[in-house]
């Protein structure tokens, strides 16, 4: 006999919502506009990093001559601009079969949560 699911946590970024392309475009824009140099292999290492981590990466590895906190603010502002004024990244392709199988079990669950490293204003 299987046990009931007590809780389900949905990870948004890169799992349920494919936001990595939008994040990548915003970081590229900030690097280009602020004197850094984008490297062909820069995207992969930043996948899954927190805001302080990728902000430091843009500063240290890509040469953006701003403080990491300021880099973070500029990237978040670029994302907000994307969400407000350009084609939104939704609907995003989601693995419907995996979503359906989890959500069926979650239907009887008492706790559903969403997880994201994105800043709350996003």
PDB file of N, CA and C in Angstrom:
ATOM      1  N   UNK A   1       0.841  -1.170   0.000  1.00  0.00           N
ATOM      2  CA  UNK A   1       0.000   0.000   0.000  1.00  0.00           C
ATOM      3  C   UNK A   1       0.895   1.245   0.000  1.00  0.00           C
ATOM      4  N   UNK A   2       0.573   2.220  -0.832  1.00  0.00           N
ATOM      5  CA  UNK A   2       1.391   3.429  -0.901  1.00  0.00           C
ATOM      6  C   UNK A   2       0.889   4.466   0.104  1.00  0.00           C
ATOM      7  N   UNK A   3       1.826   5.304   0.556  1.00  0.00           N
ATOM      8  CA  UNK A   3       1.473   6.359   1.494  1.00  0.00           C
ATOM      9  C   UNK A   3       0.943   7.570   0.743  1.00  0.00           C
ATOM     10  N   UNK A   4       0.076   8.326   1.379  1.00  0.00           N
ATOM     11  CA  UNK A   4      -0.475   9.538   0.775  1.00  0.00           C
ATOM     12  C   UNK A   4       0.591  10.628   0.746  1.00  0.00           C
ATOM     13  N   UNK A   5       0.500  11.488  -0.238  1.00  0.00           N
ATOM     14  CA  UNK A   5       1.417  12.615  -0.339  1.00  0.00           C
ATOM     15  C   UNK A   5       0.989  13.659   0.690  1.00  0.00           C
ATOM     16  N   UNK A   6       1.928  14.088   1.547  1.00  0.00           N
ATOM     17  CA  UNK A   6       1.608  15.053   2.589  1.00  0.00           C
ATOM     18  C   UNK A   6       1.747  16.485   2.091  1.00  0.00           C
ATOM     19  N   UNK A   7       2.686  16.711   1.174  1.00  0.00           N
ATOM     20  CA  UNK A   7       2.909  18.062   0.665  1.00  0.00           C
ATOM     21  C   UNK A   7       3.608  17.967  -0.686  1.00  0.00           C
ATOM     22  N   UNK A   8       3.420  18.985  -1.503  1.00  0.00           N
ATOM     23  CA  UNK A   8       4.075  19.058  -2.801  1.00  0.00           C
ATOM     24  C   UNK A   8       4.682  20.446  -2.945  1.00  0.00           C
ATOM     25  N   UNK A   9       5.965  20.500  -3.317  1.00  0.00           N
ATOM     26  CA  UNK A   9       6.647  21.766  -3.557  1.00  0.00           C
ATOM     27  C   UNK A   9       6.958  21.825  -5.051  1.00  0.00           C
ATOM     28  N   UNK A  10       6.448  22.859  -5.706  1.00  0.00           N
ATOM     29  CA  UNK A  10       6.722  23.066  -7.119  1.00  0.00           C
ATOM     30  C   UNK A  10       7.846  24.088  -7.256  1.00  0.00           C
ATOM     31  N   UNK A  11       8.929  23.702  -7.898  1.00  0.00           N
ATOM     32  CA  UNK A  11      10.036  24.620  -8.169  1.00  0.00           C
ATOM     33  C   UNK A  11       9.737  25.304  -9.497  1.00  0.00           C
ATOM     34  N   UNK A  12       9.613  26.617  -9.471  1.00  0.00           N
ATOM     35  CA  UNK A  12       9.230  27.352 -10.670  1.00  0.00           C
ATOM     36  C   UNK A  12      10.349  27.473 -11.687  1.00  0.00           C
ATOM     37  N   UNK A  13      11.423  28.137 -11.328  1.00  0.00           N
ATOM     38  CA  UNK A  13      12.450  28.538 -12.283  1.00  0.00           C
ATOM     39  C   UNK A  13      13.192  27.346 -12.873  1.00  0.00           C
ATOM     40  N   UNK A  14      12.999  27.154 -14.154  1.00  0.00           N
ATOM     41  CA  UNK A  14      13.685  26.091 -14.862  1.00  0.00           C
ATOM     42  C   UNK A  14      13.022  24.736 -14.732  1.00  0.00           C
ATOM     43  N   UNK A  15      11.958  24.639 -13.953  1.00  0.00           N
ATOM     44  CA  UNK A  15      11.264  23.358 -13.797  1.00  0.00           C
ATOM     45  C   UNK A  15       9.833  23.502 -14.315  1.00  0.00           C
ATOM     46  N   UNK A  16       8.979  24.216 -13.591  1.00  0.00           N
ATOM     47  CA  UNK A  16       7.611  24.443 -14.062  1.00  0.00           C
ATOM     48  C   UNK A  16       7.535  25.605 -15.040  1.00  0.00           C
ATOM     49  N   UNK A  17       8.342  26.600 -14.820  1.00  0.00           N
ATOM     50  CA  UNK A  17       8.368  27.778 -15.682  1.00  0.00           C
ATOM     51  C   UNK A  17       9.779  27.889 -16.253  1.00  0.00           C
ATOM     52  N   UNK A  18       9.883  27.882 -17.560  1.00  0.00           N
ATOM     53  CA  UNK A  18      11.195  27.947 -18.186  1.00  0.00           C
ATOM     54  C   UNK A  18      11.640  29.402 -18.301  1.00  0.00           C
ATOM     55  N   UNK A  19      12.029  29.966 -17.170  1.00  0.00           N
ATOM     56  CA  UNK A  19      12.406  31.379 -17.109  1.00  0.00           C
ATOM     57  C   UNK A  19      13.884  31.618 -17.382  1.00  0.00           C
ATOM     58  N   UNK A  20      14.659  30.569 -17.548  1.00  0.00           N
ATOM     59  CA  UNK A  20      16.101  30.740 -17.729  1.00  0.00           C
ATOM     60  C   UNK A  20      16.437  31.612 -18.936  1.00  0.00           C
ATOM     61  N   UNK A  21      15.669  31.499 -20.019  1.00  0.00           N
ATOM     62  CA  UNK A  21      15.944  32.323 -21.205  1.00  0.00           C
ATOM     63  C   UNK A  21      15.752  33.804 -20.921  1.00  0.00           C
ATOM     64  N   UNK A  22      14.735  34.144 -20.140  1.00  0.00           N
ATOM     65  CA  UNK A  22      14.466  35.541 -19.809  1.00  0.00           C
ATOM     66  C   UNK A  22      15.545  36.074 -18.874  1.00  0.00           C
ATOM     67  N   UNK A  23      15.940  35.277 -17.885  1.00  0.00           N
ATOM     68  CA  UNK A  23      17.023  35.664 -16.988  1.00  0.00           C
ATOM     69  C   UNK A  23      18.310  35.876 -17.780  1.00  0.00           C
ATOM     70  N   UNK A  24      18.599  34.960 -18.683  1.00  0.00           N
ATOM     71  CA  UNK A  24      19.821  35.049 -19.473  1.00  0.00           C
ATOM     72  C   UNK A  24      19.834  36.328 -20.309  1.00  0.00           C
ATOM     73  N   UNK A  25      18.725  36.635 -20.948  1.00  0.00           N
ATOM     74  CA  UNK A  25      18.644  37.853 -21.768  1.00  0.00           C
ATOM     75  C   UNK A  25      18.842  39.102 -20.915  1.00  0.00           C
ATOM     76  N   UNK A  26      18.264  39.133 -19.728  1.00  0.00           N
ATOM     77  CA  UNK A  26      18.411  40.295 -18.846  1.00  0.00           C
ATOM     78  C   UNK A  26      19.859  40.454 -18.382  1.00  0.00           C
ATOM     79  N   UNK A  27      20.502  39.345 -18.036  1.00  0.00           N
ATOM     80  CA  UNK A  27      21.905  39.428 -17.607  1.00  0.00           C
ATOM     81  C   UNK A  27      22.805  39.857 -18.760  1.00  0.00           C
ATOM     82  N   UNK A  28      22.552  39.330 -19.954  1.00  0.00           N
ATOM     83  CA  UNK A  28      23.341  39.741 -21.133  1.00  0.00           C
ATOM     84  C   UNK A  28      23.193  41.240 -21.377  1.00  0.00           C
ATOM     85  N   UNK A  29      21.969  41.735 -21.257  1.00  0.00           N
ATOM     86  CA  UNK A  29      21.699  43.163 -21.467  1.00  0.00           C
ATOM     87  C   UNK A  29      22.476  44.015 -20.465  1.00  0.00           C
ATOM     88  N   UNK A  30      22.464  43.627 -19.209  1.00  0.00           N
ATOM     89  CA  UNK A  30      23.176  44.388 -18.180  1.00  0.00           C
ATOM     90  C   UNK A  30      24.681  44.352 -18.434  1.00  0.00           C
ATOM     91  N   UNK A  31      25.216  43.213 -18.816  1.00  0.00           N
ATOM     92  CA  UNK A  31      26.647  43.117 -19.114  1.00  0.00           C
ATOM     93  C   UNK A  31      26.995  44.030 -20.291  1.00  0.00           C
ATOM     94  N   UNK A  32      26.216  43.979 -21.358  1.00  0.00           N
ATOM     95  CA  UNK A  32      26.502  44.775 -22.558  1.00  0.00           C
ATOM     96  C   UNK A  32      26.398  46.275 -22.289  1.00  0.00           C
ATOM     97  N   UNK A  33      25.408  46.683 -21.519  1.00  0.00           N
ATOM     98  CA  UNK A  33      25.188  48.111 -21.264  1.00  0.00           C
ATOM     99  C   UNK A  33      26.133  48.714 -20.228  1.00  0.00           C
ATOM    100  N   UNK A  34      26.852  47.862 -19.521  1.00  0.00           N
ATOM    101  CA  UNK A  34      27.658  48.374 -18.422  1.00  0.00           C
ATOM    102  C   UNK A  34      29.134  48.002 -18.511  1.00  0.00           C
ATOM    103  N   UNK A  35      29.617  47.749 -19.714  1.00  0.00           N
ATOM    104  CA  UNK A  35      31.051  47.585 -19.918  1.00  0.00           C
ATOM    105  C   UNK A  35      31.636  46.233 -19.611  1.00  0.00           C
ATOM    106  N   UNK A  36      30.799  45.226 -19.401  1.00  0.00           N
ATOM    107  CA  UNK A  36      31.323  43.879 -19.191  1.00  0.00           C
ATOM    108  C   UNK A  36      31.535  43.175 -20.521  1.00  0.00           C
ATOM    109  N   UNK A  37      32.046  41.969 -20.460  1.00  0.00           N
ATOM    110  CA  UNK A  37      32.271  41.175 -21.677  1.00  0.00           C
ATOM    111  C   UNK A  37      31.646  39.799 -21.493  1.00  0.00           C
ATOM    112  N   UNK A  38      30.567  39.554 -22.268  1.00  0.00           N
ATOM    113  CA  UNK A  38      29.877  38.263 -22.182  1.00  0.00           C
ATOM    114  C   UNK A  38      30.770  37.190 -22.772  1.00  0.00           C
ATOM    115  N   UNK A  39      30.825  36.047 -22.123  1.00  0.00           N
ATOM    116  CA  UNK A  39      31.603  34.911 -22.611  1.00  0.00           C
ATOM    117  C   UNK A  39      30.642  33.830 -23.085  1.00  0.00           C
ATOM    118  N   UNK A  40      31.034  33.129 -24.117  1.00  0.00           N
ATOM    119  CA  UNK A  40      30.163  32.114 -24.731  1.00  0.00           C
ATOM    120  C   UNK A  40      29.681  31.064 -23.729  1.00  0.00           C
ATOM    121  N   UNK A  41      30.478  30.763 -22.734  1.00  0.00           N
ATOM    122  CA  UNK A  41      30.111  29.725 -21.758  1.00  0.00           C
ATOM    123  C   UNK A  41      29.555  30.294 -20.448  1.00  0.00           C
ATOM    124  N   UNK A  42      29.111  31.541 -20.442  1.00  0.00           N
ATOM    125  CA  UNK A  42      28.677  32.187 -19.196  1.00  0.00           C
ATOM    126  C   UNK A  42      27.305  31.728 -18.712  1.00  0.00           C
ATOM    127  N   UNK A  43      26.437  31.327 -19.600  1.00  0.00           N
ATOM    128  CA  UNK A  43      25.066  30.995 -19.201  1.00  0.00           C
ATOM    129  C   UNK A  43      24.999  29.781 -18.281  1.00  0.00           C
ATOM    130  N   UNK A  44      25.614  28.697 -18.657  1.00  0.00           N
ATOM    131  CA  UNK A  44      25.497  27.438 -17.911  1.00  0.00           C
ATOM    132  C   UNK A  44      25.908  27.574 -16.444  1.00  0.00           C
ATOM    133  N   UNK A  45      27.050  28.192 -16.115  1.00  0.00           N
ATOM    134  CA  UNK A  45      27.420  28.258 -14.692  1.00  0.00           C
ATOM    135  C   UNK A  45      26.418  29.024 -13.829  1.00  0.00           C
ATOM    136  N   UNK A  46      25.670  29.954 -14.430  1.00  0.00           N
ATOM    137  CA  UNK A  46      24.738  30.758 -13.627  1.00  0.00           C
ATOM    138  C   UNK A  46      23.390  30.086 -13.404  1.00  0.00           C
ATOM    139  N   UNK A  47      23.107  29.022 -14.132  1.00  0.00           N
ATOM    140  CA  UNK A  47      21.826  28.327 -13.952  1.00  0.00           C
ATOM    141  C   UNK A  47      21.742  27.775 -12.534  1.00  0.00           C
ATOM    142  N   UNK A  48      20.683  28.151 -11.840  1.00  0.00           N
ATOM    143  CA  UNK A  48      20.475  27.677 -10.478  1.00  0.00           C
ATOM    144  C   UNK A  48      21.141  28.520  -9.410  1.00  0.00           C
ATOM    145  N   UNK A  49      21.934  29.527  -9.826  1.00  0.00           N
ATOM    146  CA  UNK A  49      22.564  30.399  -8.826  1.00  0.00           C
ATOM    147  C   UNK A  49      21.528  31.339  -8.210  1.00  0.00           C
ATOM    148  N   UNK A  50      21.773  31.725  -6.977  1.00  0.00           N
ATOM    149  CA  UNK A  50      20.945  32.741  -6.327  1.00  0.00           C
ATOM    150  C   UNK A  50      21.351  34.105  -6.873  1.00  0.00           C
ATOM    151  N   UNK A  51      20.540  35.121  -6.597  1.00  0.00           N
ATOM    152  CA  UNK A  51      20.848  36.478  -7.063  1.00  0.00           C
ATOM    153  C   UNK A  51      22.213  36.974  -6.585  1.00  0.00           C
ATOM    154  N   UNK A  52      22.572  36.801  -5.317  1.00  0.00           N
ATOM    155  CA  UNK A  52      23.912  37.241  -4.907  1.00  0.00           C
ATOM    156  C   UNK A  52      25.031  36.504  -5.654  1.00  0.00           C
ATOM    157  N   UNK A  53      24.813  35.221  -5.946  1.00  0.00           N
ATOM    158  CA  UNK A  53      25.842  34.439  -6.636  1.00  0.00           C
ATOM    159  C   UNK A  53      26.041  34.895  -8.076  1.00  0.00           C
ATOM    160  N   UNK A  54      24.953  35.018  -8.857  1.00  0.00           N
ATOM    161  CA  UNK A  54      25.151  35.416 -10.257  1.00  0.00           C
ATOM    162  C   UNK A  54      25.538  36.882 -10.382  1.00  0.00           C
ATOM    163  N   UNK A  55      25.124  37.728  -9.438  1.00  0.00           N
ATOM    164  CA  UNK A  55      25.550  39.125  -9.458  1.00  0.00           C
ATOM    165  C   UNK A  55      27.063  39.219  -9.262  1.00  0.00           C
ATOM    166  N   UNK A  56      27.577  38.432  -8.344  1.00  0.00           N
ATOM    167  CA  UNK A  56      29.019  38.375  -8.107  1.00  0.00           C
ATOM    168  C   UNK A  56      29.731  37.805  -9.338  1.00  0.00           C
ATOM    169  N   UNK A  57      29.139  36.813  -9.976  1.00  0.00           N
ATOM    170  CA  UNK A  57      29.714  36.211 -11.191  1.00  0.00           C
ATOM    171  C   UNK A  57      29.818  37.261 -12.304  1.00  0.00           C
ATOM    172  N   UNK A  58      28.771  38.056 -12.505  1.00  0.00           N
ATOM    173  CA  UNK A  58      28.812  39.108 -13.527  1.00  0.00           C
ATOM    174  C   UNK A  58      29.919  40.108 -13.215  1.00  0.00           C
ATOM    175  N   UNK A  59      30.097  40.408 -11.956  1.00  0.00           N
ATOM    176  CA  UNK A  59      31.146  41.339 -11.539  1.00  0.00           C
ATOM    177  C   UNK A  59      32.531  40.717 -11.711  1.00  0.00           C
ATOM    178  N   UNK A  60      32.741  39.540 -11.128  1.00  0.00           N
ATOM    179  CA  UNK A  60      34.075  38.929 -11.082  1.00  0.00           C
ATOM    180  C   UNK A  60      34.505  38.294 -12.406  1.00  0.00           C
ATOM    181  N   UNK A  61      33.596  37.563 -13.043  1.00  0.00           N
ATOM    182  CA  UNK A  61      33.970  36.799 -14.234  1.00  0.00           C
ATOM    183  C   UNK A  61      33.723  37.527 -15.549  1.00  0.00           C
ATOM    184  N   UNK A  62      32.682  38.375 -15.577  1.00  0.00           N
ATOM    185  CA  UNK A  62      32.329  39.041 -16.830  1.00  0.00           C
ATOM    186  C   UNK A  62      32.708  40.520 -16.829  1.00  0.00           C
ATOM    187  N   UNK A  63      33.308  40.971 -15.756  1.00  0.00           N
ATOM    188  CA  UNK A  63      33.895  42.298 -15.715  1.00  0.00           C
ATOM    189  C   UNK A  63      32.943  43.472 -15.653  1.00  0.00           C
ATOM    190  N   UNK A  64      31.752  43.268 -15.123  1.00  0.00           N
ATOM    191  CA  UNK A  64      30.832  44.401 -14.974  1.00  0.00           C
ATOM    192  C   UNK A  64      31.340  45.251 -13.811  1.00  0.00           C
ATOM    193  N   UNK A  65      31.699  46.532 -14.075  1.00  0.00           N
ATOM    194  CA  UNK A  65      32.347  47.361 -13.059  1.00  0.00           C
ATOM    195  C   UNK A  65      31.373  48.041 -12.092  1.00  0.00           C
ATOM    196  N   UNK A  66      30.385  47.303 -11.631  1.00  0.00           N
ATOM    197  CA  UNK A  66      29.413  47.800 -10.660  1.00  0.00           C
ATOM    198  C   UNK A  66      29.423  46.866  -9.465  1.00  0.00           C
ATOM    199  N   UNK A  67      28.926  47.343  -8.353  1.00  0.00           N
ATOM    200  CA  UNK A  67      28.799  46.475  -7.180  1.00  0.00           C
ATOM    201  C   UNK A  67      27.745  45.403  -7.476  1.00  0.00           C
ATOM    202  N   UNK A  68      27.932  44.190  -6.962  1.00  0.00           N
ATOM    203  CA  UNK A  68      26.957  43.125  -7.211  1.00  0.00           C
ATOM    204  C   UNK A  68      25.518  43.504  -6.877  1.00  0.00           C
ATOM    205  N   UNK A  69      25.295  44.270  -5.812  1.00  0.00           N
ATOM    206  CA  UNK A  69      23.936  44.673  -5.450  1.00  0.00           C
ATOM    207  C   UNK A  69      23.314  45.527  -6.552  1.00  0.00           C
ATOM    208  N   UNK A  70      24.111  46.412  -7.139  1.00  0.00           N
ATOM    209  CA  UNK A  70      23.621  47.253  -8.234  1.00  0.00           C
ATOM    210  C   UNK A  70      23.366  46.425  -9.491  1.00  0.00           C
ATOM    211  N   UNK A  71      24.235  45.457  -9.748  1.00  0.00           N
ATOM    212  CA  UNK A  71      24.035  44.544 -10.890  1.00  0.00           C
ATOM    213  C   UNK A  71      22.708  43.811 -10.723  1.00  0.00           C
ATOM    214  N   UNK A  72      22.450  43.313  -9.525  1.00  0.00           N
ATOM    215  CA  UNK A  72      21.201  42.607  -9.246  1.00  0.00           C
ATOM    216  C   UNK A  72      20.000  43.509  -9.513  1.00  0.00           C
ATOM    217  N   UNK A  73      20.052  44.748  -9.031  1.00  0.00           N
ATOM    218  CA  UNK A  73      18.941  45.681  -9.239  1.00  0.00           C
ATOM    219  C   UNK A  73      18.688  45.924 -10.728  1.00  0.00           C
ATOM    220  N   UNK A  74      19.754  46.061 -11.517  1.00  0.00           N
ATOM    221  CA  UNK A  74      19.601  46.297 -12.952  1.00  0.00           C
ATOM    222  C   UNK A  74      19.014  45.090 -13.680  1.00  0.00           C
ATOM    223  N   UNK A  75      19.439  43.901 -13.289  1.00  0.00           N
ATOM    224  CA  UNK A  75      18.902  42.688 -13.916  1.00  0.00           C
ATOM    225  C   UNK A  75      17.428  42.524 -13.562  1.00  0.00           C
ATOM    226  N   UNK A  76      17.075  42.726 -12.310  1.00  0.00           N
ATOM    227  CA  UNK A  76      15.668  42.625 -11.896  1.00  0.00           C
ATOM    228  C   UNK A  76      14.835  43.668 -12.629  1.00  0.00           C
ATOM    229  N   UNK A  77      15.356  44.894 -12.779  1.00  0.00           N
ATOM    230  CA  UNK A  77      14.632  45.934 -13.517  1.00  0.00           C
ATOM    231  C   UNK A  77      14.427  45.518 -14.977  1.00  0.00           C
ATOM    232  N   UNK A  78      15.425  44.906 -15.578  1.00  0.00           N
ATOM    233  CA  UNK A  78      15.292  44.428 -16.967  1.00  0.00           C
ATOM    234  C   UNK A  78      14.231  43.330 -17.065  1.00  0.00           C
ATOM    235  N   UNK A  79      14.178  42.455 -16.074  1.00  0.00           N
ATOM    236  CA  UNK A  79      13.151  41.405 -16.056  1.00  0.00           C
ATOM    237  C   UNK A  79      11.758  42.009 -15.899  1.00  0.00           C
ATOM    238  N   UNK A  80      11.620  42.956 -14.986  1.00  0.00           N
ATOM    239  CA  UNK A  80      10.321  43.607 -14.802  1.00  0.00           C
ATOM    240  C   UNK A  80       9.883  44.301 -16.089  1.00  0.00           C
ATOM    241  N   UNK A  81      10.818  44.934 -16.777  1.00  0.00           N
ATOM    242  CA  UNK A  81      10.511  45.567 -18.057  1.00  0.00           C
ATOM    243  C   UNK A  81      10.035  44.529 -19.064  1.00  0.00           C
ATOM    244  N   UNK A  82      10.714  43.401 -19.097  1.00  0.00           N
ATOM    245  CA  UNK A  82      10.323  42.306 -19.994  1.00  0.00           C
ATOM    246  C   UNK A  82       8.893  41.854 -19.688  1.00  0.00           C
ATOM    247  N   UNK A  83       8.596  41.653 -18.434  1.00  0.00           N
ATOM    248  CA  UNK A  83       7.278  41.163 -18.042  1.00  0.00           C
ATOM    249  C   UNK A  83       6.177  42.195 -18.296  1.00  0.00           C
ATOM    250  N   UNK A  84       6.494  43.475 -18.175  1.00  0.00           N
ATOM    251  CA  UNK A  84       5.489  44.525 -18.343  1.00  0.00           C
ATOM    252  C   UNK A  84       5.269  44.952 -19.790  1.00  0.00           C
ATOM    253  N   UNK A  85       6.329  45.020 -20.589  1.00  0.00           N
ATOM    254  CA  UNK A  85       6.240  45.678 -21.889  1.00  0.00           C
ATOM    255  C   UNK A  85       6.521  44.814 -23.107  1.00  0.00           C
ATOM    256  N   UNK A  86       7.018  43.644 -22.909  1.00  0.00           N
ATOM    257  CA  UNK A  86       7.337  42.785 -24.042  1.00  0.00           C
ATOM    258  C   UNK A  86       6.515  41.522 -23.961  1.00  0.00           C
ATOM    259  N   UNK A  87       6.726  40.659 -24.916  1.00  0.00           N
ATOM    260  CA  UNK A  87       6.023  39.373 -24.915  1.00  0.00           C
ATOM    261  C   UNK A  87       6.344  38.638 -23.618  1.00  0.00           C
ATOM    262  N   UNK A  88       5.346  38.384 -22.794  1.00  0.00           N
ATOM    263  CA  UNK A  88       5.627  37.676 -21.537  1.00  0.00           C
ATOM    264  C   UNK A  88       6.052  36.241 -21.817  1.00  0.00           C
ATOM    265  N   UNK A  89       6.804  35.668 -20.900  1.00  0.00           N
ATOM    266  CA  UNK A  89       7.282  34.299 -21.107  1.00  0.00           C
ATOM    267  C   UNK A  89       6.236  33.244 -20.791  1.00  0.00           C
ATOM    268  N   UNK A  90       4.959  33.617 -20.783  1.00  0.00           N
ATOM    269  CA  UNK A  90       3.891  32.670 -20.459  1.00  0.00           C
ATOM    270  C   UNK A  90       2.907  32.611 -21.601  1.00  0.00           C
ATOM    271  N   UNK A  91       2.293  31.552 -21.942  1.00  0.00           N
ATOM    272  CA  UNK A  91       2.492  30.272 -21.268  1.00  0.00           C
ATOM    273  C   UNK A  91       3.833  29.659 -21.637  1.00  0.00           C
ATOM    274  N   UNK A  92       4.396  28.973 -20.691  1.00  0.00           N
ATOM    275  CA  UNK A  92       5.696  28.334 -20.844  1.00  0.00           C
ATOM    276  C   UNK A  92       5.466  26.841 -21.056  1.00  0.00           C
ATOM    277  N   UNK A  93       6.252  26.241 -21.932  1.00  0.00           N
ATOM    278  CA  UNK A  93       6.125  24.783 -22.073  1.00  0.00           C
ATOM    279  C   UNK A  93       6.415  24.092 -20.748  1.00  0.00           C
ATOM    280  N   UNK A  94       5.486  23.293 -20.312  1.00  0.00           N
ATOM    281  CA  UNK A  94       5.641  22.542 -19.070  1.00  0.00           C
ATOM    282  C   UNK A  94       5.464  21.073 -19.420  1.00  0.00           C
ATOM    283  N   UNK A  95       6.206  20.242 -18.779  1.00  0.00           N
ATOM    284  CA  UNK A  95       6.033  18.818 -18.981  1.00  0.00           C
ATOM    285  C   UNK A  95       4.680  18.419 -18.402  1.00  0.00           C
ATOM    286  N   UNK A  96       3.658  18.408 -19.270  1.00  0.00           N
ATOM    287  CA  UNK A  96       2.295  18.175 -18.790  1.00  0.00           C
ATOM    288  C   UNK A  96       2.120  16.805 -18.162  1.00  0.00           C
ATOM    289  N   UNK A  97       2.801  15.806 -18.699  1.00  0.00           N
ATOM    290  CA  UNK A  97       2.633  14.477 -18.114  1.00  0.00           C
ATOM    291  C   UNK A  97       3.160  14.434 -16.685  1.00  0.00           C
ATOM    292  N   UNK A  98       4.335  15.056 -16.440  1.00  0.00           N
ATOM    293  CA  UNK A  98       4.855  15.041 -15.068  1.00  0.00           C
ATOM    294  C   UNK A  98       4.013  15.936 -14.167  1.00  0.00           C
ATOM    295  N   UNK A  99       3.559  17.083 -14.686  1.00  0.00           N
ATOM    296  CA  UNK A  99       2.714  17.977 -13.889  1.00  0.00           C
ATOM    297  C   UNK A  99       1.412  17.279 -13.506  1.00  0.00           C
ATOM    298  N   UNK A 100       0.794  16.584 -14.460  1.00  0.00           N
ATOM    299  CA  UNK A 100      -0.469  15.882 -14.176  1.00  0.00           C
ATOM    300  C   UNK A 100      -0.281  14.793 -13.136  1.00  0.00           C
ATOM    301  N   UNK A 101       0.801  14.028 -13.255  1.00  0.00           N
ATOM    302  CA  UNK A 101       0.989  12.936 -12.310  1.00  0.00           C
ATOM    303  C   UNK A 101       1.222  13.466 -10.897  1.00  0.00           C
ATOM    304  N   UNK A 102       1.969  14.552 -10.764  1.00  0.00           N
ATOM    305  CA  UNK A 102       2.184  15.130  -9.436  1.00  0.00           C
ATOM    306  C   UNK A 102       0.918  15.785  -8.927  1.00  0.00           C
ATOM    307  N   UNK A 103       0.229  16.539  -9.791  1.00  0.00           N
ATOM    308  CA  UNK A 103      -0.953  17.254  -9.319  1.00  0.00           C
ATOM    309  C   UNK A 103      -2.086  16.308  -8.941  1.00  0.00           C
ATOM    310  N   UNK A 104      -2.154  15.128  -9.550  1.00  0.00           N
ATOM    311  CA  UNK A 104      -3.167  14.149  -9.141  1.00  0.00           C
ATOM    312  C   UNK A 104      -2.941  13.739  -7.691  1.00  0.00           C
ATOM    313  N   UNK A 105      -1.690  13.477  -7.344  1.00  0.00           N
ATOM    314  CA  UNK A 105      -1.371  13.135  -5.963  1.00  0.00           C
ATOM    315  C   UNK A 105      -1.553  14.316  -5.043  1.00  0.00           C
ATOM    316  N   UNK A 106      -1.295  15.509  -5.563  1.00  0.00           N
ATOM    317  CA  UNK A 106      -1.403  16.710  -4.742  1.00  0.00           C
ATOM    318  C   UNK A 106      -2.846  17.100  -4.483  1.00  0.00           C
ATOM    319  N   UNK A 107      -3.751  16.637  -5.320  1.00  0.00           N
ATOM    320  CA  UNK A 107      -5.151  17.026  -5.166  1.00  0.00           C
ATOM    321  C   UNK A 107      -5.682  16.665  -3.782  1.00  0.00           C
ATOM    322  N   UNK A 108      -5.186  15.576  -3.236  1.00  0.00           N
ATOM    323  CA  UNK A 108      -5.651  15.189  -1.907  1.00  0.00           C
ATOM    324  C   UNK A 108      -4.721  15.706  -0.806  1.00  0.00           C
ATOM    325  N   UNK A 109      -3.667  16.364  -1.214  1.00  0.00           N
ATOM    326  CA  UNK A 109      -2.699  16.882  -0.249  1.00  0.00           C
ATOM    327  C   UNK A 109      -3.225  18.153   0.404  1.00  0.00           C
ATOM    328  N   UNK A 110      -2.772  18.394   1.608  1.00  0.00           N
ATOM    329  CA  UNK A 110      -3.175  19.606   2.308  1.00  0.00           C
ATOM    330  C   UNK A 110      -2.234  20.762   2.055  1.00  0.00           C
ATOM    331  N   UNK A 111      -1.019  20.516   1.569  1.00  0.00           N
ATOM    332  CA  UNK A 111      -0.020  21.565   1.424  1.00  0.00           C
ATOM    333  C   UNK A 111       0.524  21.586   0.001  1.00  0.00           C
ATOM    334  N   UNK A 112       0.364  22.722  -0.658  1.00  0.00           N
ATOM    335  CA  UNK A 112       0.966  22.961  -1.963  1.00  0.00           C
ATOM    336  C   UNK A 112       1.837  24.193  -1.824  1.00  0.00           C
ATOM    337  N   UNK A 113       3.078  24.121  -2.300  1.00  0.00           N
ATOM    338  CA  UNK A 113       3.992  25.256  -2.182  1.00  0.00           C
ATOM    339  C   UNK A 113       4.702  25.497  -3.505  1.00  0.00           C
ATOM    340  N   UNK A 114       5.088  26.742  -3.706  1.00  0.00           N
ATOM    341  CA  UNK A 114       5.905  27.127  -4.845  1.00  0.00           C
ATOM    342  C   UNK A 114       7.253  27.592  -4.339  1.00  0.00           C
ATOM    343  N   UNK A 115       8.317  27.196  -5.017  1.00  0.00           N
ATOM    344  CA  UNK A 115       9.665  27.595  -4.609  1.00  0.00           C
ATOM    345  C   UNK A 115      10.338  28.333  -5.753  1.00  0.00           C
ATOM    346  N   UNK A 116      11.076  29.382  -5.409  1.00  0.00           N
ATOM    347  CA  UNK A 116      11.806  30.137  -6.401  1.00  0.00           C
ATOM    348  C   UNK A 116      12.915  30.923  -5.719  1.00  0.00           C
ATOM    349  N   UNK A 117      14.052  31.047  -6.388  1.00  0.00           N
ATOM    350  CA  UNK A 117      15.126  31.913  -5.892  1.00  0.00           C
ATOM    351  C   UNK A 117      14.956  33.336  -6.402  1.00  0.00           C
ATOM    352  N   UNK A 118      13.962  33.571  -7.236  1.00  0.00           N
ATOM    353  CA  UNK A 118      13.747  34.908  -7.791  1.00  0.00           C
ATOM    354  C   UNK A 118      13.360  35.888  -6.694  1.00  0.00           C
ATOM    355  N   UNK A 119      13.764  37.161  -6.838  1.00  0.00           N
ATOM    356  CA  UNK A 119      13.352  38.177  -5.867  1.00  0.00           C
ATOM    357  C   UNK A 119      11.824  38.271  -5.807  1.00  0.00           C
ATOM    358  N   UNK A 120      11.294  38.580  -4.635  1.00  0.00           N
ATOM    359  CA  UNK A 120       9.843  38.610  -4.432  1.00  0.00           C
ATOM    360  C   UNK A 120       9.125  39.557  -5.388  1.00  0.00           C
ATOM    361  N   UNK A 121       9.742  40.680  -5.762  1.00  0.00           N
ATOM    362  CA  UNK A 121       9.052  41.623  -6.650  1.00  0.00           C
ATOM    363  C   UNK A 121       8.792  41.059  -8.036  1.00  0.00           C
ATOM    364  N   UNK A 122       9.475  39.962  -8.401  1.00  0.00           N
ATOM    365  CA  UNK A 122       9.206  39.317  -9.677  1.00  0.00           C
ATOM    366  C   UNK A 122       8.051  38.359  -9.535  1.00  0.00           C
TER     367      UNK A 122
END
